[in-house]
Amino acid sequence: MKRIILLFLFPFSLLSCSKTSNLKLIYIKKVDDGDTYEDAKNIKYRLYGADTPELHNQYNNFETTNGIEYLYAYNAKLFSSNLLLNKKVKILYITDDPYDRKVVKIFVNNQDLSYLLIKNGLARVAYISLNTSSPYYTSDYSYYKKLLLAQKWAHDNKKGFWNQIDLFKDIFPKA
């Protein structure tokens, strides 16, 4: 009887491990901004499901942004740098983006970096959707909901840039 139960449970144990078995360990050598990083092999990574304010304007020869956008972009970069720079972290590959970056979930001390940035009001939920026709479609409803709940909590508690909601268009001018 024990053998039958074990054989029945074995496939389900594989399902629960499938995501963690796809995790890869990388060493972060550079933090470009709050949501873009580079590893020791010069591979660029973009954080999945989160968008931080921009340090550099891609529409203006990548000049440094200024004002409130720069302030929150710098805070997001500092937060990410403190957690990632010169450290080994776990990543879960999602896809490639149009800028030849690997879009990934990043885990620091078993905590999801997108979630941490969003919950601290340093990033907004973006580049993730439940719409099946979206290029950012995810079938992971629980992850999507987790990020939205973190954003609602940050908004309701006026964390980070949510403390200045009236300036949101200045913080995220491309939104």
C-alpha atoms as a PDB file:
ATOM      1  CA  MET A   1       0.000   0.000   0.000  1.00  0.00           C
ATOM      2  CA  LYS A   2       2.848   2.425   0.836  1.00  0.00           C
ATOM      3  CA  ARG A   3       4.401   1.753  -2.554  1.00  0.00           C
ATOM      4  CA  ILE A   4       1.146   2.622  -4.339  1.00  0.00           C
ATOM      5  CA  ILE A   5       0.816   5.888  -2.400  1.00  0.00           C
ATOM      6  CA  LEU A   6       4.432   6.825  -3.132  1.00  0.00           C
ATOM      7  CA  LEU A   7       4.005   6.084  -6.836  1.00  0.00           C
ATOM      8  CA  PHE A   8       0.857   8.192  -6.865  1.00  0.00           C
ATOM      9  CA  LEU A   9       2.488  11.142  -5.063  1.00  0.00           C
ATOM     10  CA  PHE A  10       5.799  11.094  -6.971  1.00  0.00           C
ATOM     11  CA  PRO A  11       4.550  12.926 -10.104  1.00  0.00           C
ATOM     12  CA  PHE A  12       3.001  15.662  -7.955  1.00  0.00           C
ATOM     13  CA  SER A  13       6.250  16.177  -6.087  1.00  0.00           C
ATOM     14  CA  LEU A  14       7.951  16.756  -9.437  1.00  0.00           C
ATOM     15  CA  LEU A  15       5.381  19.396 -10.327  1.00  0.00           C
ATOM     16  CA  SER A  16       6.033  21.328  -7.146  1.00  0.00           C
ATOM     17  CA  CYS A  17       9.793  21.269  -7.798  1.00  0.00           C
ATOM     18  CA  SER A  18       9.673  22.198 -11.475  1.00  0.00           C
ATOM     19  CA  LYS A  19      10.025  25.954 -10.965  1.00  0.00           C
ATOM     20  CA  THR A  20      12.802  25.706  -8.418  1.00  0.00           C
ATOM     21  CA  SER A  21      14.727  23.240 -10.573  1.00  0.00           C
ATOM     22  CA  ASN A  22      14.829  25.891 -13.326  1.00  0.00           C
ATOM     23  CA  LEU A  23      16.546  28.398 -11.058  1.00  0.00           C
ATOM     24  CA  LYS A  24      20.040  29.402 -12.062  1.00  0.00           C
ATOM     25  CA  LEU A  25      22.708  31.056  -9.932  1.00  0.00           C
ATOM     26  CA  ILE A  26      24.390  34.172 -11.369  1.00  0.00           C
ATOM     27  CA  TYR A  27      26.808  36.806 -10.067  1.00  0.00           C
ATOM     28  CA  ILE A  28      25.639  40.419 -10.512  1.00  0.00           C
ATOM     29  CA  LYS A  29      28.531  42.708 -11.407  1.00  0.00           C
ATOM     30  CA  LYS A  30      26.579  45.809 -12.461  1.00  0.00           C
ATOM     31  CA  VAL A  31      23.264  47.451 -11.628  1.00  0.00           C
ATOM     32  CA  ASP A  32      22.270  49.724 -14.528  1.00  0.00           C
ATOM     33  CA  ASP A  33      19.118  50.957 -12.823  1.00  0.00           C
ATOM     34  CA  GLY A  34      16.422  49.611 -10.526  1.00  0.00           C
ATOM     35  CA  ASP A  35      15.237  46.908 -12.925  1.00  0.00           C
ATOM     36  CA  THR A  36      18.199  46.208 -15.254  1.00  0.00           C
ATOM     37  CA  TYR A  37      21.356  44.320 -14.304  1.00  0.00           C
ATOM     38  CA  GLU A  38      24.441  42.687 -15.780  1.00  0.00           C
ATOM     39  CA  ASP A  39      26.205  39.503 -14.736  1.00  0.00           C
ATOM     40  CA  ALA A  40      29.878  38.509 -14.736  1.00  0.00           C
ATOM     41  CA  LYS A  41      29.497  37.166 -18.290  1.00  0.00           C
ATOM     42  CA  ASN A  42      28.185  40.569 -19.509  1.00  0.00           C
ATOM     43  CA  ILE A  43      24.668  39.199 -19.980  1.00  0.00           C
ATOM     44  CA  LYS A  44      21.984  41.821 -19.388  1.00  0.00           C
ATOM     45  CA  TYR A  45      18.872  41.036 -17.366  1.00  0.00           C
ATOM     46  CA  ARG A  46      15.536  42.821 -17.089  1.00  0.00           C
ATOM     47  CA  LEU A  47      13.366  42.280 -14.039  1.00  0.00           C
ATOM     48  CA  TYR A  48      10.027  40.592 -14.757  1.00  0.00           C
ATOM     49  CA  GLY A  49       6.728  42.235 -13.776  1.00  0.00           C
ATOM     50  CA  ALA A  50       8.170  45.471 -12.399  1.00  0.00           C
ATOM     51  CA  ASP A  51       9.136  48.841 -13.837  1.00  0.00           C
ATOM     52  CA  THR A  52      11.231  51.414 -11.988  1.00  0.00           C
ATOM     53  CA  PRO A  53      11.617  55.060 -13.013  1.00  0.00           C
ATOM     54  CA  GLU A  54      14.328  55.690 -15.620  1.00  0.00           C
ATOM     55  CA  LEU A  55      17.816  56.996 -14.839  1.00  0.00           C
ATOM     56  CA  HIS A  56      18.497  57.644 -18.527  1.00  0.00           C
ATOM     57  CA  ASN A  57      16.121  58.813 -21.238  1.00  0.00           C
ATOM     58  CA  GLN A  58      16.243  56.356 -24.144  1.00  0.00           C
ATOM     59  CA  TYR A  59      14.439  58.892 -26.355  1.00  0.00           C
ATOM     60  CA  ASN A  60      17.063  61.612 -25.744  1.00  0.00           C
ATOM     61  CA  ASN A  61      20.462  59.997 -26.425  1.00  0.00           C
ATOM     62  CA  PHE A  62      20.290  58.240 -23.049  1.00  0.00           C
ATOM     63  CA  GLU A  63      20.915  61.494 -21.191  1.00  0.00           C
ATOM     64  CA  THR A  64      20.443  61.346 -17.445  1.00  0.00           C
ATOM     65  CA  THR A  65      16.907  62.128 -16.375  1.00  0.00           C
ATOM     66  CA  ASN A  66      16.317  64.861 -13.820  1.00  0.00           C
ATOM     67  CA  GLY A  67      13.982  66.056 -11.114  1.00  0.00           C
ATOM     68  CA  ILE A  68      11.554  63.726  -9.393  1.00  0.00           C
ATOM     69  CA  GLU A  69      11.988  60.979 -12.022  1.00  0.00           C
ATOM     70  CA  TYR A  70      15.738  60.884 -11.344  1.00  0.00           C
ATOM     71  CA  LEU A  71      15.210  60.922  -7.569  1.00  0.00           C
ATOM     72  CA  TYR A  72      13.010  57.819  -7.588  1.00  0.00           C
ATOM     73  CA  ALA A  73      15.115  56.123 -10.265  1.00  0.00           C
ATOM     74  CA  TYR A  74      18.193  56.646  -8.099  1.00  0.00           C
ATOM     75  CA  ASN A  75      16.392  55.295  -5.019  1.00  0.00           C
ATOM     76  CA  ALA A  76      15.352  52.161  -6.954  1.00  0.00           C
ATOM     77  CA  LYS A  77      18.904  51.662  -8.248  1.00  0.00           C
ATOM     78  CA  LEU A  78      20.309  52.070  -4.737  1.00  0.00           C
ATOM     79  CA  PHE A  79      17.808  49.542  -3.347  1.00  0.00           C
ATOM     80  CA  SER A  80      18.664  47.001  -6.068  1.00  0.00           C
ATOM     81  CA  SER A  81      22.403  47.660  -5.712  1.00  0.00           C
ATOM     82  CA  ASN A  82      22.300  46.978  -1.984  1.00  0.00           C
ATOM     83  CA  LEU A  83      20.623  43.627  -2.601  1.00  0.00           C
ATOM     84  CA  LEU A  84      22.398  42.491  -5.779  1.00  0.00           C
ATOM     85  CA  LEU A  85      25.732  44.135  -6.498  1.00  0.00           C
ATOM     86  CA  ASN A  86      28.701  41.752  -6.262  1.00  0.00           C
ATOM     87  CA  LYS A  87      26.459  38.959  -5.011  1.00  0.00           C
ATOM     88  CA  LYS A  88      25.216  35.626  -6.288  1.00  0.00           C
ATOM     89  CA  VAL A  89      21.475  35.539  -6.828  1.00  0.00           C
ATOM     90  CA  LYS A  90      18.986  33.025  -8.176  1.00  0.00           C
ATOM     91  CA  ILE A  91      17.130  33.772 -11.385  1.00  0.00           C
ATOM     92  CA  LEU A  92      14.250  32.188 -13.215  1.00  0.00           C
ATOM     93  CA  TYR A  93      14.353  32.872 -16.962  1.00  0.00           C
ATOM     94  CA  ILE A  94      11.047  34.031 -18.479  1.00  0.00           C
ATOM     95  CA  THR A  95      11.845  35.314 -22.013  1.00  0.00           C
ATOM     96  CA  ASP A  96      14.016  37.745 -23.999  1.00  0.00           C
ATOM     97  CA  ASP A  97      12.940  41.360 -24.521  1.00  0.00           C
ATOM     98  CA  PRO A  98      13.320  43.551 -27.652  1.00  0.00           C
ATOM     99  CA  TYR A  99      16.591  44.971 -26.242  1.00  0.00           C
ATOM    100  CA  ASP A 100      18.299  41.538 -26.100  1.00  0.00           C
ATOM    101  CA  ARG A 101      17.996  41.301 -22.332  1.00  0.00           C
ATOM    102  CA  LYS A 102      16.966  38.172 -20.469  1.00  0.00           C
ATOM    103  CA  VAL A 103      13.692  38.863 -18.664  1.00  0.00           C
ATOM    104  CA  VAL A 104      13.902  37.077 -15.317  1.00  0.00           C
ATOM    105  CA  LYS A 105      12.530  36.742 -11.827  1.00  0.00           C
ATOM    106  CA  ILE A 106      15.339  37.409  -9.349  1.00  0.00           C
ATOM    107  CA  PHE A 107      15.440  35.938  -5.876  1.00  0.00           C
ATOM    108  CA  VAL A 108      17.564  37.408  -3.109  1.00  0.00           C
ATOM    109  CA  ASN A 109      17.613  35.431   0.131  1.00  0.00           C
ATOM    110  CA  ASN A 110      14.582  33.547  -1.242  1.00  0.00           C
ATOM    111  CA  GLN A 111      12.650  36.812  -1.698  1.00  0.00           C
ATOM    112  CA  ASP A 112      11.338  37.982  -5.063  1.00  0.00           C
ATOM    113  CA  LEU A 113      13.007  41.270  -6.062  1.00  0.00           C
ATOM    114  CA  SER A 114      10.047  42.493  -8.155  1.00  0.00           C
ATOM    115  CA  TYR A 115       7.799  42.078  -5.141  1.00  0.00           C
ATOM    116  CA  LEU A 116      10.255  43.903  -2.867  1.00  0.00           C
ATOM    117  CA  LEU A 117      10.648  46.870  -5.218  1.00  0.00           C
ATOM    118  CA  ILE A 118       6.905  47.161  -5.760  1.00  0.00           C
ATOM    119  CA  LYS A 119       6.023  46.819  -2.074  1.00  0.00           C
ATOM    120  CA  ASN A 120       8.527  49.560  -1.198  1.00  0.00           C
ATOM    121  CA  GLY A 121       7.037  51.950  -3.750  1.00  0.00           C
ATOM    122  CA  LEU A 122      10.154  51.873  -5.926  1.00  0.00           C
ATOM    123  CA  ALA A 123       8.529  50.109  -8.905  1.00  0.00           C
ATOM    124  CA  ARG A 124       5.110  49.717 -10.438  1.00  0.00           C
ATOM    125  CA  VAL A 125       3.574  46.533 -11.811  1.00  0.00           C
ATOM    126  CA  ALA A 126       4.283  46.460 -15.555  1.00  0.00           C
ATOM    127  CA  TYR A 127       5.216  44.162 -18.416  1.00  0.00           C
ATOM    128  CA  ILE A 128       2.981  41.407 -17.102  1.00  0.00           C
ATOM    129  CA  SER A 129      -0.606  40.728 -18.122  1.00  0.00           C
ATOM    130  CA  LEU A 130      -3.394  38.179 -17.909  1.00  0.00           C
ATOM    131  CA  ASN A 131      -4.536  39.157 -21.410  1.00  0.00           C
ATOM    132  CA  THR A 132      -3.698  36.194 -23.649  1.00  0.00           C
ATOM    133  CA  SER A 133      -3.084  38.451 -26.666  1.00  0.00           C
ATOM    134  CA  SER A 134      -0.541  40.609 -24.789  1.00  0.00           C
ATOM    135  CA  PRO A 135       3.193  40.083 -25.412  1.00  0.00           C
ATOM    136  CA  TYR A 136       3.505  40.196 -21.602  1.00  0.00           C
ATOM    137  CA  TYR A 137       0.947  37.472 -20.998  1.00  0.00           C
ATOM    138  CA  THR A 138       1.416  35.247 -17.970  1.00  0.00           C
ATOM    139  CA  SER A 139      -0.593  32.207 -17.017  1.00  0.00           C
ATOM    140  CA  ASP A 140       0.701  32.581 -13.453  1.00  0.00           C
ATOM    141  CA  TYR A 141      -2.357  34.264 -11.955  1.00  0.00           C
ATOM    142  CA  SER A 142      -1.100  33.926  -8.372  1.00  0.00           C
ATOM    143  CA  TYR A 143       2.171  35.735  -9.171  1.00  0.00           C
ATOM    144  CA  TYR A 144       0.343  38.487 -11.042  1.00  0.00           C
ATOM    145  CA  LYS A 145      -2.073  38.927  -8.131  1.00  0.00           C
ATOM    146  CA  LYS A 146       0.813  38.919  -5.626  1.00  0.00           C
ATOM    147  CA  LEU A 147       2.443  41.850  -7.465  1.00  0.00           C
ATOM    148  CA  LEU A 148      -0.846  43.759  -7.726  1.00  0.00           C
ATOM    149  CA  LEU A 149      -1.520  43.284  -4.011  1.00  0.00           C
ATOM    150  CA  ALA A 150       1.991  44.543  -3.190  1.00  0.00           C
ATOM    151  CA  GLN A 151       1.356  47.611  -5.349  1.00  0.00           C
ATOM    152  CA  LYS A 152      -2.009  48.265  -3.681  1.00  0.00           C
ATOM    153  CA  TRP A 153      -0.356  47.980  -0.265  1.00  0.00           C
ATOM    154  CA  ALA A 154       2.419  50.416  -1.272  1.00  0.00           C
ATOM    155  CA  HIS A 155      -0.166  52.820  -2.704  1.00  0.00           C
ATOM    156  CA  ASP A 156      -2.443  52.637   0.339  1.00  0.00           C
ATOM    157  CA  ASN A 157       0.506  53.113   2.711  1.00  0.00           C
ATOM    158  CA  LYS A 158       2.089  55.867   0.595  1.00  0.00           C
ATOM    159  CA  LYS A 159       5.384  54.036   0.181  1.00  0.00           C
ATOM    160  CA  GLY A 160       8.059  55.499  -2.115  1.00  0.00           C
ATOM    161  CA  PHE A 161       6.670  57.394  -5.090  1.00  0.00           C
ATOM    162  CA  TRP A 162       3.094  56.576  -4.029  1.00  0.00           C
ATOM    163  CA  ASN A 163       3.642  59.295  -1.424  1.00  0.00           C
ATOM    164  CA  GLN A 164       3.578  61.755  -4.338  1.00  0.00           C
ATOM    165  CA  ILE A 165       0.820  60.264  -6.475  1.00  0.00           C
ATOM    166  CA  ASP A 166       0.005  63.692  -7.924  1.00  0.00           C
ATOM    167  CA  LEU A 167       3.466  63.624  -9.594  1.00  0.00           C
ATOM    168  CA  PHE A 168       3.099  60.122 -11.075  1.00  0.00           C
ATOM    169  CA  LYS A 169       3.248  61.428 -14.683  1.00  0.00           C
ATOM    170  CA  ASP A 170       6.543  63.166 -13.856  1.00  0.00           C
ATOM    171  CA  ILE A 171       7.964  60.032 -12.234  1.00  0.00           C
ATOM    172  CA  PHE A 172       6.832  57.799 -15.139  1.00  0.00           C
ATOM    173  CA  PRO A 173       6.551  60.180 -18.114  1.00  0.00           C
ATOM    174  CA  LYS A 174       6.370  57.347 -20.657  1.00  0.00           C
ATOM    175  CA  ALA A 175       3.366  55.761 -18.889  1.00  0.00           C
END
